[in-house]
Amino acid sequence: MLNVINAGGSKVILDFSGVAVISSSFADEFIGKLVVKYGFFNFQSIITLQGMNPVIQGILHRSVAQRMMNSLQENS
């Protein structure tokens, strides 16, 4: 994923259509770390998350929020 992002030029689409649930560790280690690495607004400009059901949205929301909070605490 990092190679694709760093190569630039195209937007990455992560499509969760047909996925019932994801683990919080996946959400944190994959999405959360990318949000912290690139920043929230840059993340949104290079990666599109689509096809998420409410369960996946909730897991991603909590995992990313917690990862960002931990990052802020570590950097203060």
N, C-alpha and C. Protein backbone atom coordinates (compact mmCIF):
# COMPACT_ATOMS: atom_id res chain seq x y z
N MET A 1 0.81 -1.18 0.00
CA MET A 1 0.00 0.00 0.00
C MET A 1 0.86 1.25 0.00
N LEU A 2 1.89 1.28 0.83
CA LEU A 2 2.75 2.46 0.89
C LEU A 2 3.43 2.72 -0.44
N ASN A 3 3.84 1.66 -1.14
CA ASN A 3 4.47 1.84 -2.45
C ASN A 3 3.51 2.49 -3.44
N VAL A 4 2.26 2.08 -3.42
CA VAL A 4 1.26 2.65 -4.32
C VAL A 4 1.03 4.11 -3.98
N ILE A 5 0.90 4.41 -2.70
CA ILE A 5 0.67 5.79 -2.26
C ILE A 5 1.87 6.66 -2.61
N ASN A 6 3.06 6.17 -2.30
CA ASN A 6 4.27 6.96 -2.54
C ASN A 6 4.57 7.16 -4.02
N ALA A 7 4.10 6.26 -4.86
CA ALA A 7 4.28 6.41 -6.31
C ALA A 7 3.46 7.59 -6.83
N GLY A 8 2.38 7.89 -6.13
CA GLY A 8 1.55 9.04 -6.49
C GLY A 8 0.77 8.83 -7.76
N GLY A 9 0.01 9.85 -8.09
CA GLY A 9 -0.70 9.83 -9.36
C GLY A 9 -2.11 9.29 -9.32
N SER A 10 -2.36 8.26 -8.56
CA SER A 10 -3.71 7.71 -8.56
C SER A 10 -4.24 7.58 -7.14
N LYS A 11 -5.54 7.72 -7.03
CA LYS A 11 -6.19 7.60 -5.75
C LYS A 11 -6.42 6.12 -5.45
N VAL A 12 -6.23 5.72 -4.21
CA VAL A 12 -6.43 4.34 -3.78
C VAL A 12 -7.85 4.21 -3.25
N ILE A 13 -8.57 3.20 -3.71
CA ILE A 13 -9.93 2.95 -3.24
C ILE A 13 -9.94 1.64 -2.47
N LEU A 14 -10.36 1.71 -1.21
CA LEU A 14 -10.55 0.51 -0.40
C LEU A 14 -12.05 0.26 -0.34
N ASP A 15 -12.49 -0.81 -0.98
CA ASP A 15 -13.92 -1.12 -1.09
C ASP A 15 -14.27 -2.26 -0.14
N PHE A 16 -15.12 -1.95 0.81
CA PHE A 16 -15.53 -2.92 1.81
C PHE A 16 -16.87 -3.57 1.47
N SER A 17 -17.33 -3.41 0.24
CA SER A 17 -18.60 -4.02 -0.17
C SER A 17 -18.52 -5.53 0.02
N GLY A 18 -19.54 -6.09 0.63
CA GLY A 18 -19.58 -7.52 0.86
C GLY A 18 -18.82 -7.98 2.08
N VAL A 19 -18.17 -7.06 2.78
CA VAL A 19 -17.43 -7.40 4.00
C VAL A 19 -18.35 -7.10 5.18
N ALA A 20 -18.62 -8.11 6.00
CA ALA A 20 -19.55 -7.94 7.12
C ALA A 20 -18.91 -7.23 8.30
N VAL A 21 -17.65 -7.56 8.59
CA VAL A 21 -16.99 -7.01 9.77
C VAL A 21 -15.48 -7.05 9.56
N ILE A 22 -14.78 -6.12 10.19
CA ILE A 22 -13.32 -6.13 10.21
C ILE A 22 -12.88 -6.13 11.67
N SER A 23 -11.67 -6.57 11.91
CA SER A 23 -11.17 -6.55 13.29
C SER A 23 -10.68 -5.15 13.64
N SER A 24 -10.75 -4.84 14.91
CA SER A 24 -10.26 -3.54 15.35
C SER A 24 -8.75 -3.45 15.15
N SER A 25 -8.05 -4.58 15.22
CA SER A 25 -6.60 -4.55 14.99
C SER A 25 -6.29 -4.22 13.53
N PHE A 26 -7.08 -4.73 12.58
CA PHE A 26 -6.90 -4.36 11.17
C PHE A 26 -7.14 -2.87 10.98
N ALA A 27 -8.24 -2.39 11.55
CA ALA A 27 -8.58 -0.97 11.43
C ALA A 27 -7.47 -0.10 11.99
N ASP A 28 -6.94 -0.48 13.13
CA ASP A 28 -5.89 0.31 13.78
C ASP A 28 -4.57 0.21 13.04
N GLU A 29 -4.11 -1.00 12.79
CA GLU A 29 -2.78 -1.20 12.21
C GLU A 29 -2.70 -0.77 10.75
N PHE A 30 -3.79 -0.85 10.03
CA PHE A 30 -3.76 -0.49 8.61
C PHE A 30 -4.26 0.94 8.39
N ILE A 31 -5.51 1.19 8.72
CA ILE A 31 -6.09 2.50 8.46
C ILE A 31 -5.59 3.53 9.45
N GLY A 32 -5.62 3.20 10.73
CA GLY A 32 -5.19 4.15 11.76
C GLY A 32 -3.77 4.64 11.57
N LYS A 33 -2.87 3.74 11.27
CA LYS A 33 -1.47 4.13 11.07
C LYS A 33 -1.31 5.01 9.83
N LEU A 34 -2.09 4.74 8.78
CA LEU A 34 -2.02 5.57 7.58
C LEU A 34 -2.54 6.98 7.86
N VAL A 35 -3.61 7.08 8.63
CA VAL A 35 -4.16 8.40 8.97
C VAL A 35 -3.13 9.20 9.76
N VAL A 36 -2.48 8.56 10.73
CA VAL A 36 -1.46 9.26 11.52
C VAL A 36 -0.26 9.62 10.65
N LYS A 37 0.17 8.71 9.79
CA LYS A 37 1.35 8.95 8.95
C LYS A 37 1.14 10.11 7.99
N TYR A 38 -0.02 10.14 7.31
CA TYR A 38 -0.26 11.13 6.27
C TYR A 38 -1.10 12.32 6.74
N GLY A 39 -1.69 12.22 7.91
CA GLY A 39 -2.60 13.27 8.38
C GLY A 39 -3.99 13.02 7.83
N PHE A 40 -4.98 13.46 8.58
CA PHE A 40 -6.38 13.18 8.23
C PHE A 40 -6.75 13.70 6.84
N PHE A 41 -6.42 14.95 6.54
CA PHE A 41 -6.83 15.53 5.26
C PHE A 41 -6.06 14.95 4.08
N ASN A 42 -4.77 14.71 4.25
CA ASN A 42 -3.99 14.07 3.18
C ASN A 42 -4.48 12.65 2.96
N PHE A 43 -4.78 11.93 4.04
CA PHE A 43 -5.31 10.57 3.91
C PHE A 43 -6.56 10.59 3.04
N GLN A 44 -7.47 11.51 3.32
CA GLN A 44 -8.71 11.59 2.56
C GLN A 44 -8.48 11.95 1.09
N SER A 45 -7.41 12.68 0.82
CA SER A 45 -7.15 13.06 -0.56
C SER A 45 -6.51 11.94 -1.37
N ILE A 46 -5.90 10.96 -0.70
CA ILE A 46 -5.24 9.88 -1.45
C ILE A 46 -5.94 8.53 -1.32
N ILE A 47 -6.79 8.37 -0.31
CA ILE A 47 -7.47 7.09 -0.09
C ILE A 47 -8.96 7.32 0.07
N THR A 48 -9.75 6.54 -0.65
CA THR A 48 -11.20 6.56 -0.51
C THR A 48 -11.65 5.26 0.12
N LEU A 49 -12.44 5.37 1.17
CA LEU A 49 -13.04 4.20 1.81
C LEU A 49 -14.49 4.15 1.35
N GLN A 50 -14.89 3.03 0.78
CA GLN A 50 -16.27 2.94 0.29
C GLN A 50 -16.87 1.58 0.61
N GLY A 51 -18.18 1.51 0.52
CA GLY A 51 -18.89 0.26 0.72
C GLY A 51 -18.91 -0.22 2.16
N MET A 52 -18.74 0.70 3.10
CA MET A 52 -18.70 0.31 4.51
C MET A 52 -20.11 0.24 5.08
N ASN A 53 -20.40 -0.84 5.80
CA ASN A 53 -21.66 -0.92 6.53
C ASN A 53 -21.48 -0.20 7.87
N PRO A 54 -22.56 0.01 8.62
CA PRO A 54 -22.44 0.73 9.90
C PRO A 54 -21.49 0.09 10.90
N VAL A 55 -21.38 -1.22 10.90
CA VAL A 55 -20.47 -1.91 11.82
C VAL A 55 -19.02 -1.55 11.49
N ILE A 56 -18.66 -1.64 10.23
CA ILE A 56 -17.30 -1.30 9.80
C ILE A 56 -17.01 0.18 10.05
N GLN A 57 -17.97 1.04 9.76
CA GLN A 57 -17.78 2.47 10.02
C GLN A 57 -17.49 2.72 11.49
N GLY A 58 -18.23 2.07 12.37
CA GLY A 58 -18.02 2.25 13.80
C GLY A 58 -16.66 1.76 14.25
N ILE A 59 -16.25 0.61 13.76
CA ILE A 59 -14.94 0.06 14.13
C ILE A 59 -13.83 0.98 13.64
N LEU A 60 -13.93 1.44 12.40
CA LEU A 60 -12.92 2.34 11.85
C LEU A 60 -12.89 3.67 12.61
N HIS A 61 -14.05 4.20 12.91
CA HIS A 61 -14.12 5.47 13.63
C HIS A 61 -13.42 5.36 14.98
N ARG A 62 -13.75 4.33 15.75
CA ARG A 62 -13.14 4.16 17.08
C ARG A 62 -11.64 3.90 16.99
N SER A 63 -11.25 3.05 16.06
CA SER A 63 -9.83 2.70 15.95
C SER A 63 -8.98 3.89 15.51
N VAL A 64 -9.46 4.63 14.53
CA VAL A 64 -8.70 5.79 14.05
C VAL A 64 -8.66 6.88 15.12
N ALA A 65 -9.78 7.12 15.79
CA ALA A 65 -9.81 8.13 16.85
C ALA A 65 -8.83 7.78 17.96
N GLN A 66 -8.81 6.52 18.36
CA GLN A 66 -7.90 6.09 19.42
C GLN A 66 -6.44 6.20 18.97
N ARG A 67 -6.15 5.81 17.74
CA ARG A 67 -4.78 5.90 17.21
C ARG A 67 -4.33 7.36 17.16
N MET A 68 -5.20 8.25 16.72
CA MET A 68 -4.85 9.67 16.65
C MET A 68 -4.64 10.25 18.04
N MET A 69 -5.49 9.87 19.00
CA MET A 69 -5.34 10.35 20.37
C MET A 69 -4.01 9.87 20.96
N ASN A 70 -3.68 8.61 20.75
CA ASN A 70 -2.41 8.08 21.24
C ASN A 70 -1.23 8.80 20.61
N SER A 71 -1.33 9.09 19.32
CA SER A 71 -0.25 9.80 18.63
C SER A 71 -0.07 11.21 19.19
N LEU A 72 -1.17 11.89 19.46
CA LEU A 72 -1.09 13.24 20.04
C LEU A 72 -0.45 13.21 21.43
N GLN A 73 -0.81 12.22 22.23
CA GLN A 73 -0.26 12.10 23.58
C GLN A 73 1.24 11.80 23.53
N GLU A 74 1.66 10.97 22.59
CA GLU A 74 3.08 10.63 22.46
C GLU A 74 3.91 11.83 22.01
N ASN A 75 3.30 12.71 21.23
CA ASN A 75 4.02 13.86 20.69
C ASN A 75 3.92 15.11 21.54
N SER A 76 3.25 15.02 22.68
CA SER A 76 3.14 16.22 23.53
C SER A 76 4.08 16.17 24.70
